[in-house]
């Protein structure tokens, strides 16, 4: 499920089954070199989280990305988001990111870090295979969280 009106209506009707929230953490960099890298990471992260949502539709909700810059990054914001989502009824909150610095918070947050793979110049079938391979890496983490 996605964070859109039609899916929210379905979520509210079936809240007991949709227990997981996925929140992408997306770093934006507006320097000349950084813009290309962060846009590539954004494309990859959004493609991957959308693919995860498609595979687990009815079990999780994909939220819009939390976007930040180096100067606006707040270590406390994911904790606050997690608490609000728990108050809304989600049992598991999972943050997915290409920013390795978030891994230091794995002790108290469910963080899935994956290195960014530039998808922009790939053929559609190659992109699909890469997303399937990445999903295979994410599934054990998801199942560990759900246990």
C-alpha atoms as a PDB file:
ATOM      1  CA  UNK A   1       0.000   0.000   0.000  1.00  0.00           C
ATOM      2  CA  UNK A   2       1.130   3.520  -0.721  1.00  0.00           C
ATOM      3  CA  UNK A   3       0.429   6.701   1.170  1.00  0.00           C
ATOM      4  CA  UNK A   4      -2.431   7.799  -1.082  1.00  0.00           C
ATOM      5  CA  UNK A   5      -6.137   8.249  -0.457  1.00  0.00           C
ATOM      6  CA  UNK A   6      -7.397   4.987  -1.982  1.00  0.00           C
ATOM      7  CA  UNK A   7      -4.792   2.898  -0.163  1.00  0.00           C
ATOM      8  CA  UNK A   8      -5.370   4.779   3.112  1.00  0.00           C
ATOM      9  CA  UNK A   9      -9.076   3.942   2.928  1.00  0.00           C
ATOM     10  CA  UNK A  10      -8.192   0.278   2.455  1.00  0.00           C
ATOM     11  CA  UNK A  11      -5.618   0.507   5.270  1.00  0.00           C
ATOM     12  CA  UNK A  12      -8.202   1.918   7.663  1.00  0.00           C
ATOM     13  CA  UNK A  13     -10.578  -0.931   6.817  1.00  0.00           C
ATOM     14  CA  UNK A  14      -7.880  -3.631   7.217  1.00  0.00           C
ATOM     15  CA  UNK A  15      -5.578  -2.089   9.824  1.00  0.00           C
ATOM     16  CA  UNK A  16      -5.038  -5.357  11.701  1.00  0.00           C
ATOM     17  CA  UNK A  17      -3.287  -6.932   8.679  1.00  0.00           C
ATOM     18  CA  UNK A  18      -1.123  -3.985   7.586  1.00  0.00           C
ATOM     19  CA  UNK A  19       1.364  -3.799  10.418  1.00  0.00           C
ATOM     20  CA  UNK A  20       4.560  -2.520   8.778  1.00  0.00           C
ATOM     21  CA  UNK A  21       5.573   0.964   7.644  1.00  0.00           C
ATOM     22  CA  UNK A  22       8.434   1.512   5.193  1.00  0.00           C
ATOM     23  CA  UNK A  23      10.017   4.975   5.292  1.00  0.00           C
ATOM     24  CA  UNK A  24      12.763   5.786   2.763  1.00  0.00           C
ATOM     25  CA  UNK A  25      15.511   8.064   4.109  1.00  0.00           C
ATOM     26  CA  UNK A  26      16.832  10.128   1.226  1.00  0.00           C
ATOM     27  CA  UNK A  27      19.844  12.425   1.373  1.00  0.00           C
ATOM     28  CA  UNK A  28      19.792  15.349  -1.050  1.00  0.00           C
ATOM     29  CA  UNK A  29      23.032  16.993  -2.140  1.00  0.00           C
ATOM     30  CA  UNK A  30      22.838  20.194  -4.176  1.00  0.00           C
ATOM     31  CA  UNK A  31      26.498  20.490  -5.082  1.00  0.00           C
ATOM     32  CA  UNK A  32      27.326  20.048  -8.754  1.00  0.00           C
ATOM     33  CA  UNK A  33      28.643  16.484  -8.369  1.00  0.00           C
ATOM     34  CA  UNK A  34      26.329  15.648  -5.491  1.00  0.00           C
ATOM     35  CA  UNK A  35      23.113  16.388  -7.386  1.00  0.00           C
ATOM     36  CA  UNK A  36      23.768  13.630  -9.894  1.00  0.00           C
ATOM     37  CA  UNK A  37      24.712  11.144  -7.167  1.00  0.00           C
ATOM     38  CA  UNK A  38      21.780  11.986  -4.911  1.00  0.00           C
ATOM     39  CA  UNK A  39      19.290  11.915  -7.813  1.00  0.00           C
ATOM     40  CA  UNK A  40      20.655   8.520  -8.847  1.00  0.00           C
ATOM     41  CA  UNK A  41      20.337   7.267  -5.261  1.00  0.00           C
ATOM     42  CA  UNK A  42      16.792   8.682  -5.095  1.00  0.00           C
ATOM     43  CA  UNK A  43      15.788   6.879  -8.293  1.00  0.00           C
ATOM     44  CA  UNK A  44      17.222   3.608  -7.003  1.00  0.00           C
ATOM     45  CA  UNK A  45      15.746   3.950  -3.511  1.00  0.00           C
ATOM     46  CA  UNK A  46      12.277   4.826  -4.775  1.00  0.00           C
ATOM     47  CA  UNK A  47      12.346   2.034  -7.380  1.00  0.00           C
ATOM     48  CA  UNK A  48      13.415  -0.483  -4.750  1.00  0.00           C
ATOM     49  CA  UNK A  49      10.923   0.589  -2.076  1.00  0.00           C
ATOM     50  CA  UNK A  50       8.105   0.604  -4.660  1.00  0.00           C
ATOM     51  CA  UNK A  51       9.140  -2.908  -5.692  1.00  0.00           C
ATOM     52  CA  UNK A  52       9.127  -4.024  -2.038  1.00  0.00           C
ATOM     53  CA  UNK A  53       5.663  -2.499  -1.625  1.00  0.00           C
ATOM     54  CA  UNK A  54       4.382  -4.396  -4.686  1.00  0.00           C
ATOM     55  CA  UNK A  55       5.704  -7.698  -3.341  1.00  0.00           C
ATOM     56  CA  UNK A  56       4.222  -7.229   0.138  1.00  0.00           C
ATOM     57  CA  UNK A  57       1.031  -5.326  -0.707  1.00  0.00           C
ATOM     58  CA  UNK A  58      -1.470  -5.918   2.060  1.00  0.00           C
ATOM     59  CA  UNK A  59       1.267  -6.345   4.673  1.00  0.00           C
ATOM     60  CA  UNK A  60       2.996  -2.976   4.586  1.00  0.00           C
ATOM     61  CA  UNK A  61       2.548   0.666   3.705  1.00  0.00           C
ATOM     62  CA  UNK A  62       5.176   2.665   1.850  1.00  0.00           C
ATOM     63  CA  UNK A  63       5.421   6.250   3.041  1.00  0.00           C
ATOM     64  CA  UNK A  64       6.846   9.192   1.098  1.00  0.00           C
ATOM     65  CA  UNK A  65      10.598   9.584   1.561  1.00  0.00           C
ATOM     66  CA  UNK A  66      12.004  11.602   4.401  1.00  0.00           C
ATOM     67  CA  UNK A  67      14.394  13.886   2.506  1.00  0.00           C
ATOM     68  CA  UNK A  68      17.214  15.800   4.149  1.00  0.00           C
ATOM     69  CA  UNK A  69      20.540  17.463   3.428  1.00  0.00           C
ATOM     70  CA  UNK A  70      23.776  17.165   5.366  1.00  0.00           C
ATOM     71  CA  UNK A  71      22.856  20.374   7.203  1.00  0.00           C
ATOM     72  CA  UNK A  72      19.235  19.421   7.955  1.00  0.00           C
ATOM     73  CA  UNK A  73      19.812  15.788   8.946  1.00  0.00           C
ATOM     74  CA  UNK A  74      18.372  15.093  12.359  1.00  0.00           C
ATOM     75  CA  UNK A  75      19.194  11.902  14.199  1.00  0.00           C
ATOM     76  CA  UNK A  76      16.096  12.332  16.350  1.00  0.00           C
ATOM     77  CA  UNK A  77      13.590  12.679  13.507  1.00  0.00           C
ATOM     78  CA  UNK A  78      13.442   8.972  12.551  1.00  0.00           C
ATOM     79  CA  UNK A  79      12.845   8.133  16.212  1.00  0.00           C
ATOM     80  CA  UNK A  80      10.003  10.669  16.309  1.00  0.00           C
ATOM     81  CA  UNK A  81       8.530   9.327  13.055  1.00  0.00           C
ATOM     82  CA  UNK A  82       8.796   5.788  14.405  1.00  0.00           C
ATOM     83  CA  UNK A  83       6.908   6.728  17.580  1.00  0.00           C
ATOM     84  CA  UNK A  84       4.141   8.489  15.657  1.00  0.00           C
ATOM     85  CA  UNK A  85       3.748   5.512  13.317  1.00  0.00           C
ATOM     86  CA  UNK A  86       3.582   3.148  16.303  1.00  0.00           C
ATOM     87  CA  UNK A  87       0.910   5.396  17.818  1.00  0.00           C
ATOM     88  CA  UNK A  88      -0.971   5.075  14.503  1.00  0.00           C
ATOM     89  CA  UNK A  89      -0.992   1.281  14.889  1.00  0.00           C
ATOM     90  CA  UNK A  90       2.053   0.072  12.973  1.00  0.00           C
ATOM     91  CA  UNK A  91       3.978  -2.670  14.784  1.00  0.00           C
ATOM     92  CA  UNK A  92       7.112  -2.518  12.637  1.00  0.00           C
ATOM     93  CA  UNK A  93       8.694   0.624  11.216  1.00  0.00           C
ATOM     94  CA  UNK A  94      11.518   0.075   8.740  1.00  0.00           C
ATOM     95  CA  UNK A  95      13.729   2.800   7.343  1.00  0.00           C
ATOM     96  CA  UNK A  96      15.407   2.076   3.991  1.00  0.00           C
ATOM     97  CA  UNK A  97      18.352   4.182   2.863  1.00  0.00           C
ATOM     98  CA  UNK A  98      21.415   4.427   0.653  1.00  0.00           C
ATOM     99  CA  UNK A  99      23.118   6.703   3.219  1.00  0.00           C
ATOM    100  CA  UNK A 100      25.506   4.498   5.169  1.00  0.00           C
ATOM    101  CA  UNK A 101      25.698   6.928   8.104  1.00  0.00           C
ATOM    102  CA  UNK A 102      22.248   5.776   9.297  1.00  0.00           C
ATOM    103  CA  UNK A 103      23.613   2.301  10.084  1.00  0.00           C
ATOM    104  CA  UNK A 104      25.014   3.608  13.375  1.00  0.00           C
ATOM    105  CA  UNK A 105      21.405   3.795  14.617  1.00  0.00           C
ATOM    106  CA  UNK A 106      20.668   0.107  13.969  1.00  0.00           C
ATOM    107  CA  UNK A 107      20.716  -0.549  17.722  1.00  0.00           C
ATOM    108  CA  UNK A 108      17.394   1.192  18.234  1.00  0.00           C
ATOM    109  CA  UNK A 109      15.899   1.589  14.726  1.00  0.00           C
ATOM    110  CA  UNK A 110      15.124  -0.892  11.955  1.00  0.00           C
ATOM    111  CA  UNK A 111      17.454   0.436   9.263  1.00  0.00           C
ATOM    112  CA  UNK A 112      18.037  -1.323   5.964  1.00  0.00           C
ATOM    113  CA  UNK A 113      21.046   0.116   4.180  1.00  0.00           C
ATOM    114  CA  UNK A 114      21.753  -0.781   0.584  1.00  0.00           C
ATOM    115  CA  UNK A 115      24.398   0.808  -1.605  1.00  0.00           C
ATOM    116  CA  UNK A 116      22.941   2.846  -4.428  1.00  0.00           C
ATOM    117  CA  UNK A 117      22.987   1.206  -7.832  1.00  0.00           C
ATOM    118  CA  UNK A 118      22.739   3.617 -10.787  1.00  0.00           C
ATOM    119  CA  UNK A 119      19.632   2.485 -12.656  1.00  0.00           C
ATOM    120  CA  UNK A 120      19.325   5.444 -15.000  1.00  0.00           C
ATOM    121  CA  UNK A 121      21.271   3.951 -17.898  1.00  0.00           C
ATOM    122  CA  UNK A 122      20.003   0.380 -17.602  1.00  0.00           C
ATOM    123  CA  UNK A 123      17.611  -1.522 -19.792  1.00  0.00           C
ATOM    124  CA  UNK A 124      14.214  -2.185 -18.179  1.00  0.00           C
ATOM    125  CA  UNK A 125      14.816  -5.953 -17.899  1.00  0.00           C
ATOM    126  CA  UNK A 126      18.219  -5.398 -16.256  1.00  0.00           C
ATOM    127  CA  UNK A 127      16.630  -2.974 -13.768  1.00  0.00           C
ATOM    128  CA  UNK A 128      14.007  -5.591 -12.967  1.00  0.00           C
ATOM    129  CA  UNK A 129      16.639  -8.280 -12.315  1.00  0.00           C
ATOM    130  CA  UNK A 130      18.625  -5.922 -10.075  1.00  0.00           C
ATOM    131  CA  UNK A 131      15.523  -5.036  -8.065  1.00  0.00           C
ATOM    132  CA  UNK A 132      14.680  -8.735  -7.712  1.00  0.00           C
ATOM    133  CA  UNK A 133      18.237  -9.447  -6.495  1.00  0.00           C
ATOM    134  CA  UNK A 134      18.042  -6.582  -4.009  1.00  0.00           C
ATOM    135  CA  UNK A 135      14.669  -7.834  -2.767  1.00  0.00           C
ATOM    136  CA  UNK A 136      16.261 -11.229  -2.085  1.00  0.00           C
ATOM    137  CA  UNK A 137      18.738  -9.437   0.181  1.00  0.00           C
ATOM    138  CA  UNK A 138      15.986  -7.496   1.969  1.00  0.00           C
ATOM    139  CA  UNK A 139      13.609 -10.426   2.599  1.00  0.00           C
ATOM    140  CA  UNK A 140      15.694 -12.016   5.412  1.00  0.00           C
ATOM    141  CA  UNK A 141      15.855  -8.653   7.187  1.00  0.00           C
ATOM    142  CA  UNK A 142      12.094  -8.199   6.873  1.00  0.00           C
ATOM    143  CA  UNK A 143      11.359 -11.695   8.147  1.00  0.00           C
ATOM    144  CA  UNK A 144      13.695 -11.165  11.129  1.00  0.00           C
ATOM    145  CA  UNK A 145      11.816  -7.982  11.992  1.00  0.00           C
ATOM    146  CA  UNK A 146       8.435  -9.701  11.624  1.00  0.00           C
ATOM    147  CA  UNK A 147       9.359 -12.673  13.840  1.00  0.00           C
END
